[in-house]
Amino acid sequence: MYSPNIGTLNSFFRAQNATSDFNAGNQTFGYGALVKNGRYTTTTNGVLFASDEVSLLPLGPSSVATVYNLKGMTFNQGLMYSLLPDIRMFDFRPGASLGYSRFELTNTENAPPRNALQQGFLGNTRINKYVNDAFVIDALLDADIELGIFSIGGRIGYSFDVSNKKWKTADERLDASPATSFTGWYNYVKLGVQL
């Protein structure tokens, strides 16, 4: 589970009549690889955040609710150091990693019945896409139990988002957008096979 700092984003949407909050990072799916060399272990991880939707209430009786979809991902590579190299079944490793993370916020609009081109519609729908990408530095702690060729373990870490927290569309930064950050705690369970 990741805990990116999206409180400002949720407040921004609540002020515009959002019916709920985004819960980015609560459901994640990922992969990882560890390569051991003596006391050092390199780690490579990729995580996808399950997409989440928030609706804004209609502005009037003739309009419809606007739905926004938020999804995200993070990818990082790092180095860890084994504190228990002489114990075969258990390993405990502090470490650090560098990575790239990204949120994508989209909404789809249906074209009005008249003057669609004048209002920015080339066809029947228009998709608005906003991106918040980040470079992150993580401090992490790994623990693994090795059972033959299988392993089970966990990781806890803290990400520091060292990039601009504002959203952008195309390649233009939106200064009036809410600050959204990948800074925060994360933890997850690992199940593995040793090759």
C-alpha atoms as a PDB file:
ATOM      1  CA  MET A   1       0.000   0.000   0.000  1.00  0.00           C
ATOM      2  CA  TYR A   2       1.341   3.411  -0.966  1.00  0.00           C
ATOM      3  CA  SER A   3       0.301   6.674   0.690  1.00  0.00           C
ATOM      4  CA  PRO A   4       1.001   9.481  -1.782  1.00  0.00           C
ATOM      5  CA  ASN A   5       0.089  12.951  -0.551  1.00  0.00           C
ATOM      6  CA  ILE A   6      -3.143  13.681  -2.448  1.00  0.00           C
ATOM      7  CA  GLY A   7      -4.937  15.618   0.299  1.00  0.00           C
ATOM      8  CA  THR A   8      -4.652  18.907  -1.609  1.00  0.00           C
ATOM      9  CA  LEU A   9      -6.041  17.242  -4.748  1.00  0.00           C
ATOM     10  CA  ASN A  10      -9.014  15.866  -2.781  1.00  0.00           C
ATOM     11  CA  SER A  11      -9.663  19.269  -1.167  1.00  0.00           C
ATOM     12  CA  PHE A  12      -9.581  20.886  -4.623  1.00  0.00           C
ATOM     13  CA  PHE A  13     -12.199  18.404  -5.876  1.00  0.00           C
ATOM     14  CA  ARG A  14     -14.356  18.679  -2.730  1.00  0.00           C
ATOM     15  CA  ALA A  15     -14.530  22.460  -3.288  1.00  0.00           C
ATOM     16  CA  GLN A  16     -15.972  21.672  -6.765  1.00  0.00           C
ATOM     17  CA  ASN A  17     -18.766  19.380  -5.397  1.00  0.00           C
ATOM     18  CA  ALA A  18     -16.967  16.032  -5.643  1.00  0.00           C
ATOM     19  CA  THR A  19     -19.064  13.130  -4.359  1.00  0.00           C
ATOM     20  CA  SER A  20     -16.065  11.246  -2.891  1.00  0.00           C
ATOM     21  CA  ASP A  21     -12.272  11.327  -2.490  1.00  0.00           C
ATOM     22  CA  PHE A  22      -9.518   9.673  -4.499  1.00  0.00           C
ATOM     23  CA  ASN A  23      -7.849   6.778  -2.667  1.00  0.00           C
ATOM     24  CA  ALA A  24      -4.748   6.409  -4.850  1.00  0.00           C
ATOM     25  CA  GLY A  25      -2.262   3.855  -3.638  1.00  0.00           C
ATOM     26  CA  ASN A  26      -4.644   1.762  -1.535  1.00  0.00           C
ATOM     27  CA  GLN A  27      -4.704  -1.030  -4.106  1.00  0.00           C
ATOM     28  CA  THR A  28      -1.442  -1.725  -5.864  1.00  0.00           C
ATOM     29  CA  PHE A  29      -0.069  -4.425  -8.120  1.00  0.00           C
ATOM     30  CA  GLY A  30       3.615  -4.809  -8.744  1.00  0.00           C
ATOM     31  CA  TYR A  31       6.678  -6.820  -9.583  1.00  0.00           C
ATOM     32  CA  GLY A  32      10.204  -6.816  -8.307  1.00  0.00           C
ATOM     33  CA  ALA A  33      13.588  -8.427  -8.697  1.00  0.00           C
ATOM     34  CA  LEU A  34      16.433  -8.741  -6.201  1.00  0.00           C
ATOM     35  CA  VAL A  35      19.994  -9.627  -7.190  1.00  0.00           C
ATOM     36  CA  LYS A  36      22.377 -10.543  -4.358  1.00  0.00           C
ATOM     37  CA  ASN A  37      26.139 -10.072  -4.468  1.00  0.00           C
ATOM     38  CA  GLY A  38      27.756 -10.693  -1.084  1.00  0.00           C
ATOM     39  CA  ARG A  39      26.225  -8.313   1.468  1.00  0.00           C
ATOM     40  CA  TYR A  40      24.753  -6.052  -1.245  1.00  0.00           C
ATOM     41  CA  THR A  41      21.427  -6.535  -2.988  1.00  0.00           C
ATOM     42  CA  THR A  42      20.155  -4.521  -5.944  1.00  0.00           C
ATOM     43  CA  THR A  43      16.411  -4.045  -6.158  1.00  0.00           C
ATOM     44  CA  THR A  44      14.191  -3.186  -9.134  1.00  0.00           C
ATOM     45  CA  ASN A  45      10.475  -2.581  -8.581  1.00  0.00           C
ATOM     46  CA  GLY A  46       7.472  -1.482 -10.569  1.00  0.00           C
ATOM     47  CA  VAL A  47       4.066  -0.777  -9.043  1.00  0.00           C
ATOM     48  CA  LEU A  48       0.736   0.140 -10.653  1.00  0.00           C
ATOM     49  CA  PHE A  49      -1.915   1.915  -8.584  1.00  0.00           C
ATOM     50  CA  ALA A  50      -5.466   0.719  -9.253  1.00  0.00           C
ATOM     51  CA  SER A  51      -7.488   3.422 -10.997  1.00  0.00           C
ATOM     52  CA  ASP A  52     -10.000   5.383  -8.958  1.00  0.00           C
ATOM     53  CA  GLU A  53     -12.939   7.565 -10.011  1.00  0.00           C
ATOM     54  CA  VAL A  54     -14.468  10.694  -8.523  1.00  0.00           C
ATOM     55  CA  SER A  55     -17.626  12.386  -9.799  1.00  0.00           C
ATOM     56  CA  LEU A  56     -18.473  16.073  -9.630  1.00  0.00           C
ATOM     57  CA  LEU A  57     -22.148  16.867  -9.137  1.00  0.00           C
ATOM     58  CA  PRO A  58     -23.939  18.411 -12.136  1.00  0.00           C
ATOM     59  CA  LEU A  59     -23.916  22.216 -12.303  1.00  0.00           C
ATOM     60  CA  GLY A  60     -27.571  22.444 -13.261  1.00  0.00           C
ATOM     61  CA  PRO A  61     -30.631  20.411 -14.256  1.00  0.00           C
ATOM     62  CA  SER A  62     -29.553  20.153 -17.896  1.00  0.00           C
ATOM     63  CA  SER A  63     -25.961  19.048 -17.234  1.00  0.00           C
ATOM     64  CA  VAL A  64     -24.518  15.681 -16.284  1.00  0.00           C
ATOM     65  CA  ALA A  65     -21.998  14.696 -13.636  1.00  0.00           C
ATOM     66  CA  THR A  66     -18.330  14.996 -14.637  1.00  0.00           C
ATOM     67  CA  VAL A  67     -16.243  11.897 -13.897  1.00  0.00           C
ATOM     68  CA  TYR A  68     -12.470  12.030 -13.337  1.00  0.00           C
ATOM     69  CA  ASN A  69     -10.264   8.937 -13.331  1.00  0.00           C
ATOM     70  CA  LEU A  70      -6.954   8.844 -11.431  1.00  0.00           C
ATOM     71  CA  LYS A  71      -4.329   6.170 -11.965  1.00  0.00           C
ATOM     72  CA  GLY A  72      -0.636   5.976 -11.253  1.00  0.00           C
ATOM     73  CA  MET A  73       2.599   4.041 -11.255  1.00  0.00           C
ATOM     74  CA  THR A  74       6.035   4.056  -9.742  1.00  0.00           C
ATOM     75  CA  PHE A  75       9.301   2.444 -10.854  1.00  0.00           C
ATOM     76  CA  ASN A  76      12.563   2.452  -8.922  1.00  0.00           C
ATOM     77  CA  GLN A  77      15.994   0.879  -8.634  1.00  0.00           C
ATOM     78  CA  GLY A  78      18.060   0.742  -5.492  1.00  0.00           C
ATOM     79  CA  LEU A  79      20.751  -0.806  -3.379  1.00  0.00           C
ATOM     80  CA  MET A  80      20.389  -2.556  -0.017  1.00  0.00           C
ATOM     81  CA  TYR A  81      22.892  -3.860   2.524  1.00  0.00           C
ATOM     82  CA  SER A  82      22.404  -7.146   4.423  1.00  0.00           C
ATOM     83  CA  LEU A  83      22.683  -6.831   8.198  1.00  0.00           C
ATOM     84  CA  LEU A  84      22.471 -10.630   8.691  1.00  0.00           C
ATOM     85  CA  PRO A  85      24.663 -12.210   5.981  1.00  0.00           C
ATOM     86  CA  ASP A  86      25.492 -15.328   8.016  1.00  0.00           C
ATOM     87  CA  ILE A  87      21.890 -16.375   8.686  1.00  0.00           C
ATOM     88  CA  ARG A  88      20.619 -18.510   5.799  1.00  0.00           C
ATOM     89  CA  MET A  89      16.841 -18.350   6.255  1.00  0.00           C
ATOM     90  CA  PHE A  90      16.407 -14.705   7.268  1.00  0.00           C
ATOM     91  CA  ASP A  91      17.646 -11.439   5.848  1.00  0.00           C
ATOM     92  CA  PHE A  92      17.196  -7.858   7.011  1.00  0.00           C
ATOM     93  CA  ARG A  93      18.312  -5.063   4.652  1.00  0.00           C
ATOM     94  CA  PRO A  94      18.180  -1.256   4.875  1.00  0.00           C
ATOM     95  CA  GLY A  95      18.653   0.583   1.609  1.00  0.00           C
ATOM     96  CA  ALA A  96      17.843   3.449  -0.724  1.00  0.00           C
ATOM     97  CA  SER A  97      16.483   3.780  -4.248  1.00  0.00           C
ATOM     98  CA  LEU A  98      15.875   6.321  -7.001  1.00  0.00           C
ATOM     99  CA  GLY A  99      12.737   6.262  -9.079  1.00  0.00           C
ATOM    100  CA  TYR A 100      10.151   7.789 -11.353  1.00  0.00           C
ATOM    101  CA  SER A 101       6.480   8.059 -10.364  1.00  0.00           C
ATOM    102  CA  ARG A 102       3.482   9.330 -12.295  1.00  0.00           C
ATOM    103  CA  PHE A 103      -0.174  10.192 -11.758  1.00  0.00           C
ATOM    104  CA  GLU A 104      -2.541  10.533 -14.697  1.00  0.00           C
ATOM    105  CA  LEU A 105      -5.908  12.276 -14.283  1.00  0.00           C
ATOM    106  CA  THR A 106      -8.409  12.071 -17.156  1.00  0.00           C
ATOM    107  CA  ASN A 107     -11.975  13.033 -17.845  1.00  0.00           C
ATOM    108  CA  THR A 108     -14.100  12.421 -20.915  1.00  0.00           C
ATOM    109  CA  GLU A 109     -16.586  14.978 -22.193  1.00  0.00           C
ATOM    110  CA  ASN A 110     -19.397  14.397 -24.677  1.00  0.00           C
ATOM    111  CA  ALA A 111     -19.811  16.908 -27.468  1.00  0.00           C
ATOM    112  CA  PRO A 112     -22.743  19.326 -27.279  1.00  0.00           C
ATOM    113  CA  PRO A 113     -25.458  18.831 -29.908  1.00  0.00           C
ATOM    114  CA  ARG A 114     -24.504  22.059 -31.746  1.00  0.00           C
ATOM    115  CA  ASN A 115     -21.310  24.023 -32.430  1.00  0.00           C
ATOM    116  CA  ALA A 116     -19.074  21.179 -31.285  1.00  0.00           C
ATOM    117  CA  LEU A 117     -16.009  22.285 -33.251  1.00  0.00           C
ATOM    118  CA  GLN A 118     -16.229  25.826 -31.873  1.00  0.00           C
ATOM    119  CA  GLN A 119     -16.148  24.340 -28.367  1.00  0.00           C
ATOM    120  CA  GLY A 120     -13.042  22.235 -29.006  1.00  0.00           C
ATOM    121  CA  PHE A 121     -14.609  18.922 -30.134  1.00  0.00           C
ATOM    122  CA  LEU A 122     -13.310  17.346 -33.325  1.00  0.00           C
ATOM    123  CA  GLY A 123     -15.584  14.297 -32.863  1.00  0.00           C
ATOM    124  CA  ASN A 124     -18.214  13.105 -30.403  1.00  0.00           C
ATOM    125  CA  THR A 125     -15.967  13.089 -27.311  1.00  0.00           C
ATOM    126  CA  ARG A 126     -12.997  14.928 -25.896  1.00  0.00           C
ATOM    127  CA  ILE A 127     -10.563  13.413 -23.422  1.00  0.00           C
ATOM    128  CA  ASN A 128      -8.716  15.795 -21.129  1.00  0.00           C
ATOM    129  CA  LYS A 129      -5.501  14.336 -19.717  1.00  0.00           C
ATOM    130  CA  TYR A 130      -3.399  15.829 -16.917  1.00  0.00           C
ATOM    131  CA  VAL A 131      -0.083  14.401 -15.695  1.00  0.00           C
ATOM    132  CA  ASN A 132       1.852  14.772 -12.457  1.00  0.00           C
ATOM    133  CA  ASP A 133       5.216  13.053 -12.730  1.00  0.00           C
ATOM    134  CA  ALA A 134       7.937  12.943 -10.130  1.00  0.00           C
ATOM    135  CA  PHE A 135      11.459  11.872  -9.406  1.00  0.00           C
ATOM    136  CA  VAL A 136      11.595  10.184  -6.014  1.00  0.00           C
ATOM    137  CA  ILE A 137      14.264   9.117  -3.549  1.00  0.00           C
ATOM    138  CA  ASP A 138      13.279   6.280  -1.208  1.00  0.00           C
ATOM    139  CA  ALA A 139      14.642   5.115   2.118  1.00  0.00           C
ATOM    140  CA  LEU A 140      13.572   1.496   2.628  1.00  0.00           C
ATOM    141  CA  LEU A 141      13.818  -1.506   4.904  1.00  0.00           C
ATOM    142  CA  ASP A 142      13.401  -5.101   3.647  1.00  0.00           C
ATOM    143  CA  ALA A 143      12.906  -8.326   5.589  1.00  0.00           C
ATOM    144  CA  ASP A 144      12.770 -11.796   3.974  1.00  0.00           C
ATOM    145  CA  ILE A 145      12.345 -15.371   5.135  1.00  0.00           C
ATOM    146  CA  GLU A 146      13.745 -17.931   2.692  1.00  0.00           C
ATOM    147  CA  LEU A 147      12.063 -21.363   2.526  1.00  0.00           C
ATOM    148  CA  GLY A 148      14.002 -23.403  -0.023  1.00  0.00           C
ATOM    149  CA  ILE A 149      13.423 -21.790  -3.414  1.00  0.00           C
ATOM    150  CA  PHE A 150      10.540 -19.660  -2.089  1.00  0.00           C
ATOM    151  CA  SER A 151      10.678 -16.503  -0.038  1.00  0.00           C
ATOM    152  CA  ILE A 152       8.170 -14.358   1.802  1.00  0.00           C
ATOM    153  CA  GLY A 153       8.893 -10.915   3.117  1.00  0.00           C
ATOM    154  CA  GLY A 154       7.903  -7.335   3.438  1.00  0.00           C
ATOM    155  CA  ARG A 155       9.102  -3.848   2.705  1.00  0.00           C
ATOM    156  CA  ILE A 156       8.468  -0.529   4.388  1.00  0.00           C
ATOM    157  CA  GLY A 157       9.746   2.707   2.966  1.00  0.00           C
ATOM    158  CA  TYR A 158       9.374   6.434   2.677  1.00  0.00           C
ATOM    159  CA  SER A 159       9.402   8.295  -0.663  1.00  0.00           C
ATOM    160  CA  PHE A 160      10.691  11.838  -1.016  1.00  0.00           C
ATOM    161  CA  ASP A 161       9.232  13.597  -4.068  1.00  0.00           C
ATOM    162  CA  VAL A 162      11.967  16.000  -5.230  1.00  0.00           C
ATOM    163  CA  SER A 163      10.149  17.430  -8.263  1.00  0.00           C
ATOM    164  CA  ASN A 164       7.533  20.063  -9.083  1.00  0.00           C
ATOM    165  CA  LYS A 165       4.214  19.154  -7.421  1.00  0.00           C
ATOM    166  CA  LYS A 166       1.976  20.926  -9.961  1.00  0.00           C
ATOM    167  CA  TRP A 167       0.054  19.153 -12.726  1.00  0.00           C
ATOM    168  CA  LYS A 168       0.686  19.651 -16.426  1.00  0.00           C
ATOM    169  CA  THR A 169      -1.181  19.112 -19.669  1.00  0.00           C
ATOM    170  CA  ALA A 170       0.730  18.477 -22.875  1.00  0.00           C
ATOM    171  CA  ASP A 171       4.075  19.896 -21.638  1.00  0.00           C
ATOM    172  CA  GLU A 172       2.655  22.995 -19.991  1.00  0.00           C
ATOM    173  CA  ARG A 173       2.792  23.275 -16.184  1.00  0.00           C
ATOM    174  CA  LEU A 174      -0.540  24.382 -14.653  1.00  0.00           C
ATOM    175  CA  ASP A 175       0.348  26.850 -11.884  1.00  0.00           C
ATOM    176  CA  ALA A 176      -3.245  27.044 -10.586  1.00  0.00           C
ATOM    177  CA  SER A 177      -3.489  23.258 -10.196  1.00  0.00           C
ATOM    178  CA  PRO A 178      -3.420  21.615  -6.754  1.00  0.00           C
ATOM    179  CA  ALA A 179      -0.020  20.453  -5.491  1.00  0.00           C
ATOM    180  CA  THR A 180       0.123  16.659  -5.521  1.00  0.00           C
ATOM    181  CA  SER A 181       3.106  14.777  -4.159  1.00  0.00           C
ATOM    182  CA  PHE A 182       4.447  11.239  -4.054  1.00  0.00           C
ATOM    183  CA  THR A 183       6.064  11.983  -0.680  1.00  0.00           C
ATOM    184  CA  GLY A 184       4.805   9.473   1.865  1.00  0.00           C
ATOM    185  CA  TRP A 185       5.027   6.054   3.486  1.00  0.00           C
ATOM    186  CA  TYR A 186       4.508   2.742   1.740  1.00  0.00           C
ATOM    187  CA  ASN A 187       4.541  -0.915   2.724  1.00  0.00           C
ATOM    188  CA  TYR A 188       3.844  -4.195   1.036  1.00  0.00           C
ATOM    189  CA  VAL A 189       4.179  -7.958   1.304  1.00  0.00           C
ATOM    190  CA  LYS A 190       6.504  -9.807  -1.064  1.00  0.00           C
ATOM    191  CA  LEU A 191       6.186 -13.384  -2.310  1.00  0.00           C
ATOM    192  CA  GLY A 192       9.079 -14.699  -4.372  1.00  0.00           C
ATOM    193  CA  VAL A 193      10.833 -17.529  -6.113  1.00  0.00           C
ATOM    194  CA  GLN A 194      14.636 -17.722  -6.019  1.00  0.00           C
ATOM    195  CA  LEU A 195      16.274 -18.564  -9.323  1.00  0.00           C
END
